[in-house]
């Protein structure tokens, strides 16, 4: 085990939050997800696999939540018919496939996977199926996401503090933008080494590339597309909060800044994601405006829709050279993407993943055994039909959950649920377009656990308060975060 300097800092902060209020542990847990290329330590015994800072800090977050609430609220997240039950089923299926299927089909089929070699760059190659370090690492990531969901569920359920979650989303958005600015400044000043402390993962780091004359922003992530995927989730959540008039003076500028960073990342996946997220937010805002609270900004959105084509026509007429440059830029990063070497390579990955799904008769080759360039094919080629079905049920239960009637009057909570769902839609969109591995990142499970906690009815608590208001108040006091 080779510890990196940022890994030492992670341990120090983790030990510190064990003696701080539980809010601090949750805050640092969310902030750590912005460090997508920072390995706390690397594992030579597993081919140089990297354990990222968020996954390392999850251990301390788990310890702090258990110290504050015990295991009961965490385990309650997985009780049927909650969304967590389907996540439990998915995780169990994934672990079983990681252990059994690589040995069942060993040598009988070929899979596209990552071949790691210590001291050399890892490559993606088509090899006969065998049990490998990827089965172990992806199984650990699956357990981490599973635990993160339950821990966030317990934290949100026991604190009932949606305002703090809004604050944390704004903080992590600012941290992400800060690394984006630092990435651009260090690139043009030749001081990229200043960011090496957050670029310690044993990945191929594509942090110095340009496209269409723009520096591709990668921030604290290994490449621009990973930065764009993460930023799109934050944009969707903060834009949703702004549309619901939650801290508009902060969520509005934050959403605008994240949108600019998305465009400057020049990621085709980000642009495709925006094509899904923006209409989703638009339709949801219109529905919200027609509701009892009338929180949507329909006048602004309708005005923007009317002005956009006029502005585009004016630019084309008055600045033809600029319009031609924009056209070439979009053609390079989007329209001709499928004909590029990267596009053809990703189509080859998907074809190989689908063939793996067929060769295993729908069982999959085992969690971590195969790569693809679409999350649907990742699921089918790794965990088969059974695991894919469990994942679909988990997502459907999460996105289909609604606020209980007892909480419908809490506008901020309802807005936060809508924002978290918008973030999930954004994350799923980019993953379905270009996801390569089973792990969706801890941000996905933080949002999913928060949704499950905020939408689950508090019937027992409400009845107890009505029957014994004084006693219930005392219990709430005793159960408050320490």
Protein backbone atom coordinates (compact mmCIF):
# COMPACT_ATOMS: atom_id res chain seq x y z
CA UNK A 1 0.00 0.00 0.00
CA UNK A 2 1.52 3.29 -1.16
CA UNK A 3 0.05 6.33 0.64
CA UNK A 4 -0.08 9.66 -1.21
CA UNK A 5 0.22 13.02 0.62
CA UNK A 6 -3.45 13.73 0.01
CA UNK A 7 -4.20 10.33 1.50
CA UNK A 8 -2.46 11.38 4.71
CA UNK A 9 -4.57 14.55 4.74
CA UNK A 10 -7.69 12.43 4.21
CA UNK A 11 -6.84 10.30 7.24
CA UNK A 12 -6.17 13.37 9.40
CA UNK A 13 -9.46 15.01 8.37
CA UNK A 14 -11.26 11.69 8.84
CA UNK A 15 -9.97 11.29 12.36
CA UNK A 16 -10.92 14.89 13.08
CA UNK A 17 -14.56 14.47 12.01
CA UNK A 18 -14.94 11.55 14.43
CA UNK A 19 -14.84 14.14 17.23
CA UNK A 20 -16.85 16.83 15.39
CA UNK A 21 -20.61 17.16 14.80
CA UNK A 22 -21.94 14.67 12.30
CA UNK A 23 -22.76 17.52 9.90
CA UNK A 24 -19.03 17.97 9.35
CA UNK A 25 -18.61 14.34 8.34
CA UNK A 26 -21.41 14.63 5.78
CA UNK A 27 -20.03 17.91 4.44
CA UNK A 28 -16.53 16.53 3.87
CA UNK A 29 -18.00 13.34 2.41
CA UNK A 30 -19.78 15.30 -0.31
CA UNK A 31 -16.83 17.65 -0.94
CA UNK A 32 -14.46 14.70 -1.37
CA UNK A 33 -16.44 13.52 -4.41
CA UNK A 34 -15.00 16.49 -6.35
CA UNK A 35 -11.54 14.85 -6.18
CA UNK A 36 -12.02 12.40 -9.02
CA UNK A 37 -8.33 11.89 -9.79
CA UNK A 38 -6.96 11.96 -6.23
CA UNK A 39 -5.90 8.56 -4.92
CA UNK A 40 -5.51 8.33 -1.17
CA UNK A 41 -3.30 5.29 -1.74
CA UNK A 42 -2.45 2.77 -4.44
CA UNK A 43 -2.41 -1.00 -4.11
CA UNK A 44 0.48 -2.70 -5.94
CA UNK A 45 -0.89 -6.10 -4.87
CA UNK A 46 -3.96 -5.43 -7.05
CA UNK A 47 -2.04 -4.31 -10.10
CA UNK A 48 -1.64 -0.73 -8.92
CA UNK A 49 -5.35 -0.16 -8.33
CA UNK A 50 -6.12 3.24 -6.83
CA UNK A 51 -8.35 3.91 -3.82
CA UNK A 52 -9.72 7.39 -4.34
CA UNK A 53 -10.13 9.97 -1.59
CA UNK A 54 -13.97 9.71 -1.50
CA UNK A 55 -13.81 5.95 -1.02
CA UNK A 56 -11.17 6.26 1.70
CA UNK A 57 -13.10 8.98 3.52
CA UNK A 58 -16.26 6.84 3.35
CA UNK A 59 -14.76 4.70 6.12
CA UNK A 60 -14.64 7.67 8.49
CA UNK A 61 -18.10 8.85 7.42
CA UNK A 62 -19.43 5.38 8.19
CA UNK A 63 -17.81 5.38 11.63
CA UNK A 64 -19.20 8.85 12.46
CA UNK A 65 -22.76 8.03 11.40
CA UNK A 66 -22.72 4.79 13.38
CA UNK A 67 -21.38 6.67 16.41
CA UNK A 68 -24.20 9.19 16.12
CA UNK A 69 -27.18 6.98 15.29
CA UNK A 70 -26.20 3.32 15.57
CA UNK A 71 -26.79 0.73 12.87
CA UNK A 72 -30.60 0.74 13.06
CA UNK A 73 -31.30 3.80 10.86
CA UNK A 74 -28.72 2.61 8.34
CA UNK A 75 -30.21 -0.87 8.01
CA UNK A 76 -33.69 0.66 7.74
CA UNK A 77 -32.65 2.11 4.38
CA UNK A 78 -32.72 -1.38 2.83
CA UNK A 79 -36.09 -2.56 4.13
CA UNK A 80 -38.73 -3.33 1.48
CA UNK A 81 -40.45 -1.70 -0.29
CA UNK A 82 -37.90 1.13 -0.22
CA UNK A 83 -35.54 1.77 -3.11
CA UNK A 84 -32.69 0.56 -0.93
CA UNK A 85 -34.12 -2.97 -1.01
CA UNK A 86 -33.51 -3.13 -4.76
CA UNK A 87 -30.02 -1.73 -4.27
CA UNK A 88 -29.42 -4.51 -1.74
CA UNK A 89 -30.59 -7.08 -4.30
CA UNK A 90 -28.39 -5.52 -6.99
CA UNK A 91 -25.32 -5.51 -4.74
CA UNK A 92 -25.84 -9.14 -3.74
CA UNK A 93 -26.19 -10.15 -7.38
CA UNK A 94 -23.09 -8.16 -8.27
CA UNK A 95 -20.96 -9.75 -5.56
CA UNK A 96 -22.08 -13.26 -6.47
CA UNK A 97 -21.33 -12.70 -10.14
CA UNK A 98 -17.88 -11.27 -9.33
CA UNK A 99 -17.01 -14.41 -7.37
CA UNK A 100 -18.67 -17.16 -9.41
CA UNK A 101 -19.01 -16.20 -13.08
CA UNK A 102 -15.34 -15.49 -13.96
CA UNK A 103 -14.56 -19.00 -12.77
CA UNK A 104 -17.63 -20.54 -14.40
CA UNK A 105 -16.80 -19.13 -17.84
CA UNK A 106 -13.02 -19.02 -17.38
CA UNK A 107 -11.28 -19.37 -20.74
CA UNK A 108 -14.54 -20.14 -22.52
CA UNK A 109 -15.26 -16.60 -23.69
CA UNK A 110 -13.30 -13.44 -24.43
CA UNK A 111 -13.99 -10.10 -22.75
CA UNK A 112 -12.79 -6.54 -23.17
CA UNK A 113 -11.16 -5.51 -19.91
CA UNK A 114 -8.41 -3.41 -18.36
CA UNK A 115 -5.01 -5.08 -18.19
CA UNK A 116 -3.08 -3.45 -15.33
CA UNK A 117 0.67 -3.59 -15.01
CA UNK A 118 2.54 -1.92 -12.16
CA UNK A 119 4.88 0.80 -13.40
CA UNK A 120 3.31 0.88 -16.88
CA UNK A 121 0.19 2.34 -18.37
CA UNK A 122 -2.89 0.15 -18.15
CA UNK A 123 -4.42 -0.84 -21.46
CA UNK A 124 -7.80 -2.13 -22.58
CA UNK A 125 -7.50 -5.48 -24.33
CA UNK A 126 -9.69 -8.38 -25.38
CA UNK A 127 -8.53 -11.44 -23.44
CA UNK A 128 -9.95 -14.80 -22.35
CA UNK A 129 -12.11 -14.40 -19.26
CA UNK A 130 -10.44 -15.03 -15.94
CA UNK A 131 -10.75 -13.80 -12.37
CA UNK A 132 -8.76 -10.57 -12.03
CA UNK A 133 -8.13 -7.61 -9.77
CA UNK A 134 -10.94 -5.71 -11.54
CA UNK A 135 -13.45 -8.15 -10.06
CA UNK A 136 -12.16 -7.26 -6.60
CA UNK A 137 -11.99 -3.48 -7.08
CA UNK A 138 -15.42 -3.19 -8.69
CA UNK A 139 -16.92 -5.37 -5.95
CA UNK A 140 -15.39 -3.04 -3.33
CA UNK A 141 -16.76 0.01 -5.17
CA UNK A 142 -20.19 -1.66 -5.28
CA UNK A 143 -20.07 -2.21 -1.52
CA UNK A 144 -18.97 1.40 -1.05
CA UNK A 145 -21.92 2.75 -3.03
CA UNK A 146 -24.26 0.42 -1.17
CA UNK A 147 -22.96 1.63 2.22
CA UNK A 148 -22.98 5.29 1.15
CA UNK A 149 -26.67 5.05 0.25
CA UNK A 150 -27.61 3.72 3.69
CA UNK A 151 -25.38 6.15 5.58
CA UNK A 152 -26.80 9.18 3.76
CA UNK A 153 -30.32 7.84 4.30
CA UNK A 154 -29.67 7.59 8.04
CA UNK A 155 -28.09 11.05 8.22
CA UNK A 156 -30.91 12.80 6.33
CA UNK A 157 -33.65 10.91 8.18
CA UNK A 158 -32.26 11.69 11.61
CA UNK A 159 -31.24 15.31 11.01
CA UNK A 160 -34.15 16.34 8.77
CA UNK A 161 -31.99 19.27 7.68
CA UNK A 162 -32.56 19.86 3.94
CA UNK A 163 -31.11 23.36 4.32
CA UNK A 164 -27.73 21.84 5.14
CA UNK A 165 -27.84 19.66 2.04
CA UNK A 166 -28.51 22.75 -0.09
CA UNK A 167 -25.51 24.44 1.51
CA UNK A 168 -23.31 21.42 0.87
CA UNK A 169 -24.33 21.33 -2.81
CA UNK A 170 -23.30 24.96 -3.16
CA UNK A 171 -19.98 24.32 -1.39
CA UNK A 172 -19.07 21.35 -3.56
CA UNK A 173 -20.07 23.33 -6.66
CA UNK A 174 -17.69 26.11 -5.62
CA UNK A 175 -14.89 23.60 -4.95
CA UNK A 176 -15.41 22.01 -8.37
CA UNK A 177 -15.31 25.40 -10.09
CA UNK A 178 -12.22 26.37 -8.09
CA UNK A 179 -10.33 23.35 -9.43
CA UNK A 180 -11.61 24.15 -12.94
CA UNK A 181 -10.18 27.68 -12.76
CA UNK A 182 -6.93 26.34 -11.31
CA UNK A 183 -6.72 23.79 -14.13
CA UNK A 184 -6.97 26.49 -16.79
CA UNK A 185 -4.59 28.91 -15.06
CA UNK A 186 -1.90 26.31 -14.40
CA UNK A 187 -2.15 25.07 -17.99
CA UNK A 188 -1.54 28.47 -19.57
CA UNK A 189 1.14 29.45 -17.07
CA UNK A 190 3.04 26.18 -17.33
CA UNK A 191 2.56 25.36 -13.65
CA UNK A 192 0.52 22.15 -13.97
CA UNK A 193 2.70 20.57 -11.27
CA UNK A 194 0.80 22.62 -8.68
CA UNK A 195 -2.18 20.30 -9.16
CA UNK A 196 -0.21 17.08 -8.99
CA UNK A 197 -1.30 16.58 -5.37
CA UNK A 198 -4.86 15.89 -6.62
CA UNK A 199 -3.74 13.87 -9.66
CA UNK A 200 -2.32 10.82 -7.95
CA UNK A 201 -4.59 8.06 -9.27
CA UNK A 202 -3.01 5.32 -11.35
CA UNK A 203 -5.06 6.30 -14.40
CA UNK A 204 -4.23 7.69 -17.81
CA UNK A 205 -4.49 11.42 -17.00
CA UNK A 206 -5.60 13.46 -20.04
CA UNK A 207 -5.43 16.86 -18.39
CA UNK A 208 -3.48 18.86 -21.00
CA UNK A 209 -5.60 18.47 -24.13
CA UNK A 210 -7.25 21.07 -26.33
CA UNK A 211 -10.15 20.87 -28.74
CA UNK A 212 -11.50 23.51 -31.07
CA UNK A 213 -8.93 25.97 -29.75
CA UNK A 214 -10.17 25.62 -26.16
CA UNK A 215 -8.40 24.09 -23.17
CA UNK A 216 -10.45 21.06 -22.19
CA UNK A 217 -11.25 21.62 -18.52
CA UNK A 218 -10.59 18.56 -16.37
CA UNK A 219 -10.45 20.17 -12.91
CA UNK A 220 -9.61 17.56 -10.28
CA UNK A 221 -10.64 14.69 -12.58
CA UNK A 222 -8.50 12.51 -14.84
CA UNK A 223 -10.04 13.86 -18.06
CA UNK A 224 -12.49 16.43 -19.37
CA UNK A 225 -15.36 13.97 -19.89
CA UNK A 226 -15.22 12.84 -16.24
CA UNK A 227 -15.22 16.48 -15.12
CA UNK A 228 -18.18 17.21 -17.40
CA UNK A 229 -20.18 14.23 -16.11
CA UNK A 230 -19.72 15.37 -12.51
CA UNK A 231 -20.37 19.03 -13.30
CA UNK A 232 -23.58 18.20 -15.17
CA UNK A 233 -24.97 16.56 -12.03
CA UNK A 234 -24.19 19.67 -9.97
CA UNK A 235 -25.63 21.94 -12.67
CA UNK A 236 -28.88 19.98 -12.81
CA UNK A 237 -29.29 20.08 -9.02
CA UNK A 238 -28.46 23.77 -8.57
CA UNK A 239 -30.49 24.86 -11.61
CA UNK A 240 -33.46 22.94 -10.21
CA UNK A 241 -33.09 24.74 -6.88
CA UNK A 242 -32.93 28.09 -8.68
CA UNK A 243 -36.06 27.29 -10.64
CA UNK A 244 -37.80 26.57 -7.34
CA UNK A 245 -36.53 29.90 -5.93
CA UNK A 246 -34.40 28.25 -3.25
CA UNK A 247 -31.59 30.68 -2.34
CA UNK A 248 -31.83 32.20 -5.81
CA UNK A 249 -29.07 34.71 -5.17
CA UNK A 250 -26.63 31.79 -4.79
CA UNK A 251 -28.08 28.89 -6.80
CA UNK A 252 -28.62 31.05 -9.92
CA UNK A 253 -25.01 32.27 -10.30
CA UNK A 254 -23.72 28.83 -9.34
CA UNK A 255 -25.82 27.11 -12.03
CA UNK A 256 -24.69 29.68 -14.62
CA UNK A 257 -21.01 29.20 -13.73
CA UNK A 258 -21.35 25.41 -13.87
CA UNK A 259 -23.01 25.71 -17.28
CA UNK A 260 -20.09 27.77 -18.60
CA UNK A 261 -17.64 25.18 -17.25
CA UNK A 262 -19.64 22.43 -18.97
CA UNK A 263 -19.44 24.14 -22.34
CA UNK A 264 -15.72 24.88 -21.95
CA UNK A 265 -15.05 21.24 -21.11
CA UNK A 266 -15.87 20.54 -24.81
CA UNK A 267 -17.27 17.15 -23.84
CA UNK A 268 -19.72 15.68 -26.34
CA UNK A 269 -21.31 13.67 -23.53
CA UNK A 270 -21.92 16.88 -21.56
CA UNK A 271 -23.66 18.52 -24.51
CA UNK A 272 -25.84 15.46 -25.04
CA UNK A 273 -26.57 15.45 -21.33
CA UNK A 274 -27.64 19.09 -21.48
CA UNK A 275 -29.99 18.18 -24.32
CA UNK A 276 -31.78 15.87 -21.87
CA UNK A 277 -31.40 17.80 -18.62
CA UNK A 278 -32.57 21.21 -19.88
CA UNK A 279 -35.91 19.93 -21.29
CA UNK A 280 -36.37 17.87 -18.13
CA UNK A 281 -35.90 20.96 -15.94
CA UNK A 282 -38.09 22.99 -18.27
CA UNK A 283 -41.03 20.59 -18.14
CA UNK A 284 -40.66 20.13 -14.41
CA UNK A 285 -40.58 23.88 -13.88
CA UNK A 286 -43.76 24.35 -15.88
CA UNK A 287 -45.49 21.66 -13.81
CA UNK A 288 -44.26 23.33 -10.62
CA UNK A 289 -45.56 26.71 -11.78
CA UNK A 290 -49.00 25.26 -12.31
CA UNK A 291 -49.02 23.78 -8.79
CA UNK A 292 -50.23 25.44 -5.60
CA UNK A 293 -46.86 27.08 -4.81
CA UNK A 294 -46.30 28.45 -8.34
CA UNK A 295 -42.57 28.28 -7.82
CA UNK A 296 -41.48 27.74 -11.42
CA UNK A 297 -39.92 30.55 -13.45
CA UNK A 298 -42.12 30.07 -16.51
CA UNK A 299 -41.97 33.72 -17.59
CA UNK A 300 -38.17 33.64 -17.64
CA UNK A 301 -38.05 30.31 -19.46
CA UNK A 302 -40.61 31.31 -22.07
CA UNK A 303 -38.78 34.57 -22.66
CA UNK A 304 -35.49 32.72 -23.02
CA UNK A 305 -37.07 30.30 -25.51
CA UNK A 306 -38.37 33.21 -27.59
CA UNK A 307 -35.12 35.20 -27.54
CA UNK A 308 -32.69 32.35 -28.22
CA UNK A 309 -33.52 31.84 -31.93
CA UNK A 310 -33.51 35.62 -32.46
CA UNK A 311 -30.05 35.94 -30.91
CA UNK A 312 -28.76 33.02 -33.01
CA UNK A 313 -30.06 34.59 -36.23
CA UNK A 314 -28.50 37.95 -35.33
CA UNK A 315 -25.11 36.33 -34.70
CA UNK A 316 -25.27 34.46 -38.01
CA UNK A 317 -26.20 37.66 -39.88
CA UNK A 318 -23.83 40.11 -38.17
CA UNK A 319 -20.85 37.86 -37.45
CA UNK A 320 -20.64 35.17 -40.17
CA UNK A 321 -17.00 34.36 -39.29
CA UNK A 322 -17.94 33.72 -35.67
CA UNK A 323 -20.88 31.56 -36.74
CA UNK A 324 -18.59 29.49 -38.98
CA UNK A 325 -16.09 29.02 -36.14
CA UNK A 326 -18.86 27.84 -33.81
CA UNK A 327 -20.10 25.45 -36.49
CA UNK A 328 -16.64 23.93 -36.92
CA UNK A 329 -16.25 23.67 -33.14
CA UNK A 330 -19.56 21.82 -32.74
CA UNK A 331 -18.74 19.59 -35.70
CA UNK A 332 -15.42 18.62 -34.12
CA UNK A 333 -16.73 17.82 -30.64
CA UNK A 334 -20.21 16.52 -31.46
CA UNK A 335 -21.42 15.91 -35.01
CA UNK A 336 -18.36 14.03 -36.28
CA UNK A 337 -17.76 12.24 -32.97
CA UNK A 338 -19.01 8.89 -34.23
CA UNK A 339 -16.53 8.96 -37.15
CA UNK A 340 -13.55 9.80 -34.94
CA UNK A 341 -11.07 7.24 -33.66
CA UNK A 342 -12.53 7.59 -30.17
CA UNK A 343 -16.05 7.06 -31.47
CA UNK A 344 -15.10 3.95 -33.44
CA UNK A 345 -13.21 2.57 -30.44
CA UNK A 346 -16.20 3.02 -28.17
CA UNK A 347 -18.50 1.31 -30.66
CA UNK A 348 -16.06 -1.62 -30.66
CA UNK A 349 -16.27 -1.74 -26.85
CA UNK A 350 -20.07 -1.88 -27.00
CA UNK A 351 -20.05 -4.60 -29.63
CA UNK A 352 -17.67 -6.68 -27.50
CA UNK A 353 -19.81 -6.14 -24.38
CA UNK A 354 -22.97 -7.21 -26.18
CA UNK A 355 -21.19 -10.31 -27.49
CA UNK A 356 -20.16 -11.11 -23.92
CA UNK A 357 -23.79 -10.84 -22.85
CA UNK A 358 -24.78 -13.29 -25.62
CA UNK A 359 -21.90 -15.69 -24.93
CA UNK A 360 -22.91 -15.99 -21.26
CA UNK A 361 -26.58 -16.61 -22.13
CA UNK A 362 -27.64 -13.43 -20.33
CA UNK A 363 -25.85 -14.24 -17.06
CA UNK A 364 -22.99 -11.76 -17.58
CA UNK A 365 -19.27 -12.35 -17.14
CA UNK A 366 -19.16 -11.13 -13.54
CA UNK A 367 -18.93 -7.72 -11.92
CA UNK A 368 -15.73 -6.02 -13.10
CA UNK A 369 -15.02 -8.52 -15.89
CA UNK A 370 -16.00 -6.48 -18.96
CA UNK A 371 -15.90 -2.91 -20.18
CA UNK A 372 -18.26 -1.04 -22.47
CA UNK A 373 -19.07 2.52 -23.46
CA UNK A 374 -22.66 2.56 -22.29
CA UNK A 375 -23.86 1.81 -18.79
CA UNK A 376 -26.67 -0.41 -20.07
CA UNK A 377 -24.16 -2.65 -21.82
CA UNK A 378 -21.89 -2.53 -18.76
CA UNK A 379 -24.74 -3.96 -16.69
CA UNK A 380 -25.74 -6.58 -19.24
CA UNK A 381 -22.16 -7.78 -19.83
CA UNK A 382 -21.21 -7.78 -16.13
CA UNK A 383 -24.27 -8.69 -14.04
CA UNK A 384 -26.60 -9.95 -16.74
CA UNK A 385 -30.36 -9.70 -16.98
CA UNK A 386 -30.91 -10.28 -13.26
CA UNK A 387 -28.62 -7.47 -12.15
CA UNK A 388 -29.88 -5.11 -14.85
CA UNK A 389 -33.45 -5.70 -13.73
CA UNK A 390 -32.54 -4.99 -10.09
CA UNK A 391 -30.82 -1.74 -11.12
CA UNK A 392 -33.83 -0.61 -13.17
CA UNK A 393 -36.14 -1.30 -10.22
CA UNK A 394 -33.82 0.65 -7.92
CA UNK A 395 -33.79 3.67 -10.23
CA UNK A 396 -37.55 3.48 -10.82
CA UNK A 397 -38.25 3.31 -7.09
CA UNK A 398 -35.94 6.27 -6.43
CA UNK A 399 -37.18 8.56 -9.20
CA UNK A 400 -40.79 7.47 -8.69
CA UNK A 401 -40.84 8.26 -4.97
CA UNK A 402 -43.06 11.15 -3.90
CA UNK A 403 -43.24 13.42 -0.93
CA UNK A 404 -45.58 12.10 1.80
CA UNK A 405 -48.72 14.17 2.37
CA UNK A 406 -47.59 15.10 5.86
CA UNK A 407 -44.56 16.85 4.35
CA UNK A 408 -46.12 18.41 1.25
CA UNK A 409 -46.24 21.79 2.95
CA UNK A 410 -42.45 21.89 3.35
CA UNK A 411 -41.50 23.64 0.12
CA UNK A 412 -37.74 23.50 0.65
CA UNK A 413 -37.78 19.75 1.22
CA UNK A 414 -39.88 19.14 -1.89
CA UNK A 415 -37.57 21.38 -3.92
CA UNK A 416 -34.53 19.52 -2.65
CA UNK A 417 -36.08 16.19 -3.66
CA UNK A 418 -36.69 17.55 -7.16
CA UNK A 419 -33.12 18.85 -7.32
CA UNK A 420 -31.67 15.49 -6.27
CA UNK A 421 -33.80 13.73 -8.87
CA UNK A 422 -32.57 16.15 -11.53
CA UNK A 423 -29.01 15.29 -10.51
CA UNK A 424 -29.76 11.58 -10.82
CA UNK A 425 -31.28 12.06 -14.27
CA UNK A 426 -28.14 13.96 -15.33
CA UNK A 427 -25.84 11.25 -13.98
CA UNK A 428 -27.82 8.45 -15.59
CA UNK A 429 -27.89 10.27 -18.93
CA UNK A 430 -24.12 10.60 -19.19
CA UNK A 431 -23.60 7.06 -17.92
CA UNK A 432 -25.96 5.59 -20.49
CA UNK A 433 -24.09 7.49 -23.21
CA UNK A 434 -20.50 6.79 -22.17
CA UNK A 435 -20.32 4.87 -18.87
CA UNK A 436 -17.49 2.33 -18.91
CA UNK A 437 -17.65 0.61 -15.51
CA UNK A 438 -20.27 -0.45 -12.96
CA UNK A 439 -19.26 2.16 -10.38
CA UNK A 440 -21.39 5.31 -10.79
CA UNK A 441 -19.51 7.31 -8.17
CA UNK A 442 -20.52 8.13 -4.62
CA UNK A 443 -22.38 11.30 -5.67
CA UNK A 444 -25.04 9.11 -7.28
CA UNK A 445 -25.63 7.20 -4.04
CA UNK A 446 -25.54 10.36 -1.90
CA UNK A 447 -28.38 11.83 -3.98
CA UNK A 448 -30.30 8.55 -4.10
CA UNK A 449 -30.05 8.03 -0.34
CA UNK A 450 -31.17 11.61 0.28
CA UNK A 451 -34.21 11.16 -1.98
CA UNK A 452 -35.19 7.94 -0.24
CA UNK A 453 -34.88 9.55 3.19
CA UNK A 454 -36.77 12.75 2.33
CA UNK A 455 -39.65 10.97 0.61
CA UNK A 456 -40.24 8.16 3.08
CA UNK A 457 -43.27 8.94 5.29
CA UNK A 458 -42.69 9.66 8.95
CA UNK A 459 -46.01 8.17 10.02
CA UNK A 460 -44.68 6.61 13.20
CA UNK A 461 -43.02 9.81 14.35
CA UNK A 462 -46.07 11.93 13.56
CA UNK A 463 -48.41 9.64 15.49
CA UNK A 464 -46.01 9.60 18.44
CA UNK A 465 -45.84 13.38 18.52
CA UNK A 466 -49.63 13.67 18.48
CA UNK A 467 -50.05 11.12 21.25
CA UNK A 468 -47.15 12.20 23.49
CA UNK A 469 -45.87 15.61 22.41
CA UNK A 470 -43.65 16.15 25.45
CA UNK A 471 -42.12 12.68 25.33
CA UNK A 472 -41.59 12.90 21.59
CA UNK A 473 -39.81 16.21 22.01
CA UNK A 474 -37.56 14.64 24.60
CA UNK A 475 -36.76 11.74 22.32
CA UNK A 476 -35.93 14.08 19.48
CA UNK A 477 -33.59 15.95 21.76
CA UNK A 478 -31.84 12.78 22.87
CA UNK A 479 -31.56 11.54 19.29
CA UNK A 480 -30.16 14.75 17.90
CA UNK A 481 -26.78 14.62 16.14
CA UNK A 482 -23.80 14.66 18.46
